[in-house]
Amino acid sequence: MKFPTTQTRRRFFQEITLGGVALGLTGCQTFSQRAKLTDNPKAVAGILTWYIKGSHADVLIGKILEGWAYDGGPGPNLRLASLYVDQFPDGDMAREMAKKHGVRIFSTIEEAITLGTDRVAVDGILSIGEHGDYPWNEKEQHLYPRRRFFDAIATTLEKHDKVVPVFNDKHLGPEWDDALWMYRRAQSLKIPFMAGSSLPVSYRKPDVAIPMGSPIEAAIGVGYSGLDIYGIHTLEVFQSFVERRHGGESGVKSVQWFGAEDMWALFDDGTLSTDVLEAALNVTPKSNLEQDPRKLEGDGVGLFVFEYQDGLLGAVLMLPSYLQGCGVAIQIRGQKTPIATMAEERKDPHYPHFAYLLKGIETMIHTGVPAYPVERTLLTTGILDRALTSRFEGGKKLLTPELKIGYRAVDYPNAPRPSLTKPYKQPA
């Protein structure tokens, strides 16, 4: 059964408190109600860790430069005006693409935003701090320079007394203190701010959604790959469903990690639903159909458990040697079976699910209004950071008053399911 999205409408946010500081939240605009994009493309600066084939810079910036299908055809209504690139590894594409398209690479972030002048000379900024040669901390978080990038961006906007929309790729931080600092800095300067994974707006198999205000009784997400790099993707997909529950999002009050040896006890004693887990696993591709997930071993196998302020228990299993995708299952009160789907990652033509993320970015840069709330990514960043902290501390349950982050979801759609009989078509 397909559960269509309910009515679309613009929503505004109430004031919330983070760490004892009251912050006013910005409004978000739904996909169907977004203002008409101007005829002229908006100029953007790309602030990148590095730019090689298949990197996030390639699958986002490349679509601006070369079109949705990388064939010189139509692309987003954006124009790349400048680049700042932190690293130039073997296989670097930044210099080649900049030369091909007449884009200047600047040596500082401020120069990329001002184009070497004394004013902010772009209409928006894409900060893509993913991939590159950067250190890891003891919790196995990859310390990308997202805060450093955003600090330079915000300082430049403040110095030149002009605010433009900013998108931060993937999670904030990745450490919680950095994430909260970035969020507060954006709020203090009233910067239209978006962040997050491409998977909440990717293709779903099956193509389902749940109505706003759904009475969710149980929810389980499943994911693969590394805890930091794909834990955030899995949490973002999971949160994009549970944020639609009755009463809206109110935040998380505790987080705990369970390793491979301990996590199955929560299903055996009924704390977590085996039926909901099976529904999530059934829709998610496997690397080995004969493998028993209960026999998986390794430090990267485990379970994030987090209790929401309203009592809902969230659970995300990371099964890297068993799964090959991110899935979620939701049990709605009164329904006999859970609703389950996986977020697909399509590689051809050239990671098209990133096109739908770029459509949201494009909308924000043209309208000055985030397409969906950055608070989702602030919350998922916090859950992931606290889960990895719990893991580092031997599975200790952590109370998380700092994650009392309330917001309301908006009806922003995922990528439509392409026809099996018609050629693939990129977003208009």
Protein backbone atom coordinates (compact mmCIF):
# COMPACT_ATOMS: atom_id res chain seq x y z
CA MET A 1 0.00 0.00 0.00
CA LYS A 2 1.29 3.46 -0.87
CA PHE A 3 0.89 6.15 1.75
CA PRO A 4 0.95 9.48 -0.09
CA THR A 5 2.17 12.67 1.43
CA THR A 6 -0.64 14.80 2.82
CA GLN A 7 -1.27 18.48 2.05
CA THR A 8 1.73 20.69 1.39
CA ARG A 9 1.92 23.98 3.19
CA ARG A 10 4.41 26.47 4.42
CA ARG A 11 5.25 26.15 8.09
CA PHE A 12 7.03 28.39 10.51
CA PHE A 13 8.89 27.40 13.64
CA GLN A 14 8.40 28.27 17.24
CA GLU A 15 11.23 29.35 19.50
CA ILE A 16 13.29 26.56 21.05
CA THR A 17 16.07 26.37 23.60
CA LEU A 18 19.45 24.80 22.94
CA GLY A 19 21.90 24.62 25.81
CA GLY A 20 19.94 27.24 27.71
CA VAL A 21 20.00 29.80 24.89
CA ALA A 22 16.72 30.75 23.24
CA LEU A 23 16.96 30.73 19.45
CA GLY A 24 14.40 31.85 16.90
CA LEU A 25 13.98 29.33 14.09
CA THR A 26 13.65 30.32 10.46
CA GLY A 27 10.73 29.39 8.24
CA CYS A 28 10.95 26.77 5.50
CA GLN A 29 9.24 26.61 2.18
CA THR A 30 7.66 23.52 0.66
CA PHE A 31 8.66 22.24 -2.76
CA SER A 32 5.26 22.92 -4.34
CA GLN A 33 4.97 26.40 -2.87
CA ARG A 34 8.47 27.65 -3.58
CA ALA A 35 8.65 31.06 -5.19
CA LYS A 36 9.21 31.13 -8.94
CA LEU A 37 12.91 31.04 -9.65
CA THR A 38 14.24 34.16 -11.31
CA ASP A 39 15.10 33.92 -15.00
CA ASN A 40 18.73 34.76 -14.39
CA PRO A 41 20.98 32.19 -12.69
CA LYS A 42 22.20 33.05 -9.22
CA ALA A 43 25.94 33.22 -8.66
CA VAL A 44 27.36 30.80 -6.09
CA ALA A 45 30.74 30.16 -4.48
CA GLY A 46 31.92 26.60 -3.96
CA ILE A 47 33.97 26.02 -0.80
CA LEU A 48 35.44 22.53 -1.16
CA THR A 49 37.74 20.13 0.63
CA TRP A 50 38.70 18.60 -2.71
CA TYR A 51 37.24 17.89 -6.14
CA ILE A 52 37.89 14.48 -7.68
CA LYS A 53 35.68 12.19 -9.76
CA GLY A 54 32.75 10.84 -7.77
CA SER A 55 33.34 13.17 -4.80
CA HIS A 56 30.51 15.25 -3.36
CA ALA A 57 32.06 18.28 -5.05
CA ASP A 58 31.80 16.45 -8.38
CA VAL A 59 28.19 15.33 -7.95
CA LEU A 60 27.01 18.79 -6.82
CA ILE A 61 29.34 21.37 -8.39
CA GLY A 62 29.64 19.24 -11.52
CA LYS A 63 25.89 19.53 -12.15
CA ILE A 64 26.13 23.32 -11.97
CA LEU A 65 29.01 23.37 -14.45
CA GLU A 66 27.98 20.62 -16.87
CA GLY A 67 24.20 20.20 -16.49
CA TRP A 68 22.07 17.58 -14.76
CA ALA A 69 23.35 14.79 -17.00
CA TYR A 70 26.92 16.14 -17.44
CA ASP A 71 26.30 16.56 -21.16
CA GLY A 72 26.29 20.34 -21.40
CA GLY A 73 22.50 20.39 -21.30
CA PRO A 74 20.13 22.01 -18.78
CA GLY A 75 21.17 22.22 -15.16
CA PRO A 76 20.16 24.14 -12.05
CA ASN A 77 19.47 27.84 -12.35
CA LEU A 78 22.80 28.58 -10.71
CA ARG A 79 26.16 29.84 -11.96
CA LEU A 80 29.45 28.89 -10.32
CA ALA A 81 31.28 32.18 -9.82
CA SER A 82 34.26 31.01 -7.77
CA LEU A 83 35.97 28.18 -5.92
CA TYR A 84 38.02 27.73 -2.81
CA VAL A 85 39.68 24.30 -2.73
CA ASP A 86 41.44 23.08 0.42
CA GLN A 87 43.37 20.16 -1.08
CA PHE A 88 44.57 19.14 -4.53
CA PRO A 89 45.16 15.36 -4.52
CA ASP A 90 46.10 13.07 -7.37
CA GLY A 91 43.12 13.00 -9.71
CA ASP A 92 42.17 16.59 -8.91
CA MET A 93 39.44 17.94 -11.19
CA ALA A 94 39.16 21.43 -9.71
CA ARG A 95 41.85 23.06 -11.83
CA GLU A 96 40.71 21.37 -15.03
CA MET A 97 37.02 22.20 -14.53
CA ALA A 98 37.76 25.76 -13.43
CA LYS A 99 39.84 26.38 -16.54
CA LYS A 100 37.22 24.78 -18.80
CA HIS A 101 34.38 26.92 -17.43
CA GLY A 102 36.26 30.14 -16.73
CA VAL A 103 35.92 29.91 -12.96
CA ARG A 104 38.62 31.37 -10.76
CA ILE A 105 40.04 29.38 -7.83
CA PHE A 106 40.84 31.72 -4.94
CA SER A 107 43.37 31.10 -2.20
CA THR A 108 41.04 32.11 0.66
CA ILE A 109 37.37 31.59 1.45
CA GLU A 110 36.82 35.34 1.82
CA GLU A 111 38.21 35.97 -1.66
CA ALA A 112 35.97 33.26 -3.12
CA ILE A 113 32.92 34.97 -1.60
CA THR A 114 33.94 38.52 -2.53
CA LEU A 115 35.59 37.59 -5.85
CA GLY A 116 38.56 39.59 -4.62
CA THR A 117 36.52 42.78 -4.11
CA ASP A 118 35.38 44.65 -1.00
CA ARG A 119 31.85 43.22 -1.01
CA VAL A 120 29.96 39.93 -1.00
CA ALA A 121 29.75 39.22 -4.73
CA VAL A 122 27.77 35.94 -4.79
CA ASP A 123 24.13 35.06 -4.10
CA GLY A 124 24.78 31.82 -2.25
CA ILE A 125 27.47 29.50 -0.94
CA LEU A 126 27.89 25.72 -1.11
CA SER A 127 30.24 24.44 1.60
CA ILE A 128 31.18 20.87 0.67
CA GLY A 129 33.41 19.55 3.44
CA GLU A 130 33.30 15.87 2.49
CA HIS A 131 36.19 13.72 1.26
CA GLY A 132 39.84 14.60 1.68
CA ASP A 133 42.91 13.85 3.75
CA TYR A 134 41.87 14.85 7.26
CA PRO A 135 42.45 13.31 10.70
CA TRP A 136 40.17 11.08 12.76
CA ASN A 137 39.52 11.41 16.48
CA GLU A 138 39.37 8.68 19.13
CA LYS A 139 35.62 8.22 18.53
CA GLU A 140 36.32 7.47 14.85
CA GLN A 141 34.80 10.70 13.61
CA HIS A 142 36.39 12.02 10.44
CA LEU A 143 37.34 15.59 11.28
CA TYR A 144 36.41 17.41 8.11
CA PRO A 145 36.88 21.20 8.34
CA ARG A 146 33.19 22.09 8.20
CA ARG A 147 33.35 24.41 11.20
CA ARG A 148 36.49 26.10 9.84
CA PHE A 149 34.79 26.59 6.50
CA PHE A 150 31.62 27.97 8.08
CA ASP A 151 33.58 30.24 10.43
CA ALA A 152 35.32 31.82 7.45
CA ILE A 153 32.03 32.08 5.54
CA ALA A 154 30.14 33.68 8.44
CA THR A 155 33.02 36.02 9.28
CA THR A 156 33.13 37.22 5.67
CA LEU A 157 29.37 37.81 5.54
CA GLU A 158 29.49 39.71 8.82
CA LYS A 159 32.53 41.75 7.80
CA HIS A 160 30.92 42.88 4.55
CA ASP A 161 27.47 43.32 6.10
CA LYS A 162 25.58 41.09 3.70
CA VAL A 163 23.96 37.71 4.33
CA VAL A 164 23.40 35.11 1.61
CA PRO A 165 22.08 31.52 1.88
CA VAL A 166 24.56 28.79 2.81
CA PHE A 167 24.35 25.03 2.30
CA ASN A 168 26.56 22.68 4.34
CA ASP A 169 26.97 19.21 2.85
CA LYS A 170 26.14 16.25 5.14
CA HIS A 171 26.18 16.62 8.92
CA LEU A 172 27.22 19.65 10.85
CA GLY A 173 30.35 19.30 12.88
CA PRO A 174 30.92 16.31 12.78
CA GLU A 175 31.52 16.82 16.52
CA TRP A 176 28.56 18.13 18.49
CA ASP A 177 30.25 21.25 19.86
CA ASP A 178 31.14 22.31 16.32
CA ALA A 179 27.63 21.54 15.06
CA LEU A 180 25.95 23.62 17.75
CA TRP A 181 28.42 26.45 17.21
CA MET A 182 27.67 26.50 13.46
CA TYR A 183 23.93 26.49 14.07
CA ARG A 184 24.07 29.30 16.62
CA ARG A 185 26.37 31.36 14.42
CA ALA A 186 23.95 31.04 11.49
CA GLN A 187 21.06 32.01 13.75
CA SER A 188 22.85 35.02 15.18
CA LEU A 189 23.57 36.41 11.70
CA LYS A 190 20.20 35.29 10.30
CA ILE A 191 21.88 33.26 7.58
CA PRO A 192 19.42 31.10 5.59
CA PHE A 193 21.02 27.73 6.34
CA MET A 194 20.53 24.20 5.04
CA ALA A 195 22.52 21.03 5.58
CA GLY A 196 22.31 17.28 5.37
CA SER A 197 22.35 14.10 3.37
CA SER A 198 21.00 13.54 -0.12
CA LEU A 199 19.25 10.32 0.91
CA PRO A 200 16.06 11.82 2.44
CA VAL A 201 15.29 13.25 -1.02
CA SER A 202 16.56 10.24 -2.97
CA TYR A 203 14.49 7.55 -4.70
CA ARG A 204 12.62 5.18 -2.43
CA LYS A 205 11.97 1.52 -3.08
CA PRO A 206 9.07 1.10 -2.66
CA ASP A 207 8.06 4.72 -3.25
CA VAL A 208 6.16 5.46 -0.04
CA ALA A 209 5.69 8.32 2.39
CA ILE A 210 3.67 8.68 5.56
CA PRO A 211 1.14 11.46 6.23
CA MET A 212 2.01 14.35 8.49
CA GLY A 213 0.72 13.77 12.00
CA SER A 214 0.93 9.98 11.80
CA PRO A 215 0.59 8.14 15.14
CA ILE A 216 3.93 6.32 15.02
CA GLU A 217 4.30 3.50 17.55
CA ALA A 218 7.69 2.11 16.52
CA ALA A 219 10.46 2.95 14.06
CA ILE A 220 13.70 1.22 13.10
CA GLY A 221 16.38 2.21 10.62
CA VAL A 222 19.08 -0.01 9.15
CA GLY A 223 22.32 1.02 7.48
CA TYR A 224 25.72 -0.07 6.31
CA SER A 225 29.32 1.12 5.80
CA GLY A 226 31.20 3.19 8.41
CA LEU A 227 29.51 4.48 11.55
CA ASP A 228 30.41 8.11 10.90
CA ILE A 229 30.19 8.33 7.12
CA TYR A 230 26.97 6.31 6.75
CA GLY A 231 25.57 6.53 10.25
CA ILE A 232 24.52 10.08 9.37
CA HIS A 233 22.88 8.98 6.11
CA THR A 234 20.87 6.31 7.93
CA LEU A 235 19.84 8.69 10.71
CA GLU A 236 18.79 11.36 8.19
CA VAL A 237 16.57 8.89 6.31
CA PHE A 238 15.14 7.66 9.61
CA GLN A 239 14.51 11.18 10.91
CA SER A 240 12.85 12.28 7.66
CA PHE A 241 10.11 9.76 8.48
CA VAL A 242 9.75 10.02 12.27
CA GLU A 243 9.69 13.85 12.22
CA ARG A 244 6.26 13.53 10.57
CA ARG A 245 4.72 11.92 13.67
CA HIS A 246 1.83 13.32 15.65
CA GLY A 247 2.90 16.33 17.71
CA GLY A 248 5.97 17.09 15.57
CA GLU A 249 9.58 16.83 16.59
CA SER A 250 10.52 17.64 20.18
CA GLY A 251 14.06 16.28 20.40
CA VAL A 252 15.90 13.42 22.08
CA LYS A 253 16.50 12.89 25.81
CA SER A 254 18.94 9.97 25.82
CA VAL A 255 21.26 8.05 23.50
CA GLN A 256 23.00 4.69 23.94
CA TRP A 257 25.21 2.38 21.87
CA PHE A 258 24.87 -1.41 21.90
CA GLY A 259 27.54 -3.55 20.27
CA ALA A 260 27.12 -6.73 18.23
CA GLU A 261 27.05 -8.98 21.30
CA ASP A 262 24.47 -6.98 23.22
CA MET A 263 22.04 -5.46 20.74
CA TRP A 264 19.90 -8.50 19.97
CA ALA A 265 18.76 -8.76 23.60
CA LEU A 266 16.65 -5.63 23.03
CA PHE A 267 14.67 -7.49 20.38
CA ASP A 268 14.45 -10.71 22.37
CA ASP A 269 12.99 -8.96 25.44
CA GLY A 270 10.51 -6.91 23.39
CA THR A 271 12.13 -3.50 23.95
CA LEU A 272 12.38 -3.21 20.16
CA SER A 273 10.04 -4.78 17.62
CA THR A 274 11.31 -7.78 15.68
CA ASP A 275 8.49 -7.32 13.14
CA VAL A 276 9.52 -3.73 12.41
CA LEU A 277 13.16 -4.75 12.10
CA GLU A 278 12.31 -7.55 9.69
CA ALA A 279 10.28 -5.13 7.58
CA ALA A 280 13.28 -2.79 7.31
CA LEU A 281 15.67 -5.63 6.49
CA ASN A 282 13.33 -7.11 3.89
CA VAL A 283 13.42 -3.98 1.71
CA THR A 284 17.16 -3.34 2.02
CA PRO A 285 19.63 -5.08 -0.34
CA LYS A 286 22.05 -7.59 1.18
CA SER A 287 25.65 -8.38 0.40
CA ASN A 288 25.14 -12.02 1.47
CA LEU A 289 21.64 -13.48 1.57
CA GLU A 290 22.87 -16.56 3.44
CA GLN A 291 24.41 -14.58 6.28
CA ASP A 292 22.71 -14.47 9.69
CA PRO A 293 22.74 -10.84 10.92
CA ARG A 294 22.72 -12.07 14.52
CA LYS A 295 26.14 -13.61 13.98
CA LEU A 296 27.79 -10.48 12.68
CA GLU A 297 30.92 -9.36 14.48
CA GLY A 298 33.19 -6.34 14.46
CA ASP A 299 33.46 -2.90 16.04
CA GLY A 300 31.37 -1.33 13.27
CA VAL A 301 28.36 -3.57 13.93
CA GLY A 302 25.98 -2.10 16.44
CA LEU A 303 22.80 -0.33 17.42
CA PHE A 304 22.02 3.31 18.20
CA VAL A 305 19.08 3.58 20.61
CA PHE A 306 17.66 7.02 21.36
CA GLU A 307 14.57 8.04 23.30
CA TYR A 308 12.65 11.04 22.07
CA GLN A 309 11.15 13.61 24.41
CA ASP A 310 7.66 12.33 23.61
CA GLY A 311 8.58 8.75 24.52
CA LEU A 312 9.10 7.26 21.05
CA LEU A 313 12.08 4.91 21.03
CA GLY A 314 14.30 5.32 17.99
CA ALA A 315 16.65 2.59 16.85
CA VAL A 316 19.21 2.41 14.03
CA LEU A 317 21.19 -0.77 13.34
CA MET A 318 24.48 -0.49 11.49
CA LEU A 319 25.21 -3.79 9.71
CA PRO A 320 28.12 -3.01 7.36
CA SER A 321 29.04 -6.54 6.24
CA TYR A 322 25.42 -7.58 5.73
CA LEU A 323 23.54 -4.69 4.10
CA GLN A 324 24.17 -2.61 1.00
CA GLY A 325 21.76 0.25 1.60
CA CYS A 326 19.82 2.34 4.12
CA GLY A 327 16.27 1.34 5.03
CA VAL A 328 13.56 2.31 7.48
CA ALA A 329 10.36 0.73 8.78
CA ILE A 330 7.57 2.56 10.60
CA GLN A 331 4.72 1.03 12.60
CA ILE A 332 1.65 3.28 12.57
CA ARG A 333 -1.06 2.71 15.15
CA GLY A 334 -3.98 0.81 13.66
CA GLN A 335 -2.01 -0.58 10.72
CA LYS A 336 -1.39 -4.33 10.62
CA THR A 337 2.01 -4.21 8.99
CA PRO A 338 4.86 -1.71 9.10
CA ILE A 339 5.55 0.70 6.24
CA ALA A 340 9.07 0.04 4.96
CA THR A 341 11.30 1.45 2.26
CA MET A 342 14.94 1.92 1.33
CA ALA A 343 16.67 5.06 0.06
CA GLU A 344 18.27 4.25 -3.26
CA GLU A 345 21.61 5.56 -4.45
CA ARG A 346 21.67 5.57 -8.24
CA LYS A 347 25.04 6.02 -9.92
CA ASP A 348 23.84 6.73 -13.44
CA PRO A 349 23.58 9.27 -14.85
CA HIS A 350 26.21 10.48 -12.42
CA TYR A 351 24.49 10.08 -9.04
CA PRO A 352 21.13 11.60 -10.01
CA HIS A 353 19.76 11.56 -6.46
CA PHE A 354 22.10 14.48 -5.72
CA ALA A 355 20.12 16.43 -8.31
CA TYR A 356 17.16 16.49 -5.91
CA LEU A 357 19.36 17.74 -3.10
CA LEU A 358 20.64 20.42 -5.47
CA LYS A 359 17.05 21.41 -6.32
CA GLY A 360 16.49 22.19 -2.66
CA ILE A 361 19.70 24.21 -2.52
CA GLU A 362 18.72 26.05 -5.71
CA THR A 363 15.33 26.93 -4.22
CA MET A 364 16.90 28.37 -1.07
CA ILE A 365 19.41 30.46 -2.99
CA HIS A 366 16.71 31.94 -5.23
CA THR A 367 14.15 32.57 -2.49
CA GLY A 368 16.28 33.12 0.60
CA VAL A 369 14.17 30.51 2.41
CA PRO A 370 15.46 27.02 3.36
CA ALA A 371 13.62 24.26 1.51
CA TYR A 372 13.50 22.16 4.70
CA PRO A 373 14.73 22.66 8.26
CA VAL A 374 18.41 22.53 9.18
CA GLU A 375 17.27 21.47 12.64
CA ARG A 376 16.77 17.93 11.31
CA THR A 377 20.47 17.72 10.56
CA LEU A 378 21.42 19.42 13.82
CA LEU A 379 19.47 16.72 15.67
CA THR A 380 20.86 13.80 13.65
CA THR A 381 24.38 15.17 14.08
CA GLY A 382 23.83 15.23 17.82
CA ILE A 383 22.41 11.71 17.94
CA LEU A 384 25.35 10.35 15.96
CA ASP A 385 27.94 12.20 18.04
CA ARG A 386 26.37 10.97 21.29
CA ALA A 387 26.05 7.41 19.98
CA LEU A 388 29.75 7.36 19.07
CA THR A 389 30.55 8.89 22.47
CA SER A 390 28.53 6.15 24.20
CA ARG A 391 30.40 3.55 22.16
CA PHE A 392 33.73 5.09 23.15
CA GLU A 393 32.63 5.00 26.80
CA GLY A 394 31.72 1.32 26.71
CA GLY A 395 28.01 1.61 25.92
CA LYS A 396 27.13 4.09 28.67
CA LYS A 397 23.63 5.58 28.42
CA LEU A 398 23.95 9.33 27.92
CA LEU A 399 21.30 11.83 28.94
CA THR A 400 21.07 14.49 26.24
CA PRO A 401 19.28 17.66 27.37
CA GLU A 402 21.27 19.46 24.67
CA LEU A 403 19.29 17.52 22.05
CA LYS A 404 15.94 18.95 23.09
CA ILE A 405 15.58 20.32 19.59
CA GLY A 406 12.01 20.94 18.49
CA TYR A 407 10.92 21.69 14.95
CA ARG A 408 8.17 20.94 12.46
CA ALA A 409 8.72 18.99 9.29
CA VAL A 410 7.75 20.31 5.87
CA ASP A 411 6.35 18.38 2.93
CA TYR A 412 9.42 18.37 0.73
CA PRO A 413 9.23 15.41 -1.68
CA ASN A 414 11.69 12.68 -2.41
CA ALA A 415 12.76 11.95 -5.98
CA PRO A 416 9.93 10.48 -8.06
CA ARG A 417 10.14 6.84 -9.04
CA PRO A 418 11.33 6.75 -12.68
CA SER A 419 9.37 4.81 -15.25
CA LEU A 420 10.76 1.43 -16.26
CA THR A 421 9.69 2.04 -19.87
CA LYS A 422 10.67 5.68 -20.40
CA PRO A 423 14.14 7.26 -20.47
CA TYR A 424 15.38 8.71 -17.22
CA LYS A 425 14.63 12.43 -16.87
CA GLN A 426 16.46 14.77 -14.54
CA PRO A 427 14.49 17.30 -12.46
CA ALA A 428 13.11 20.31 -14.28
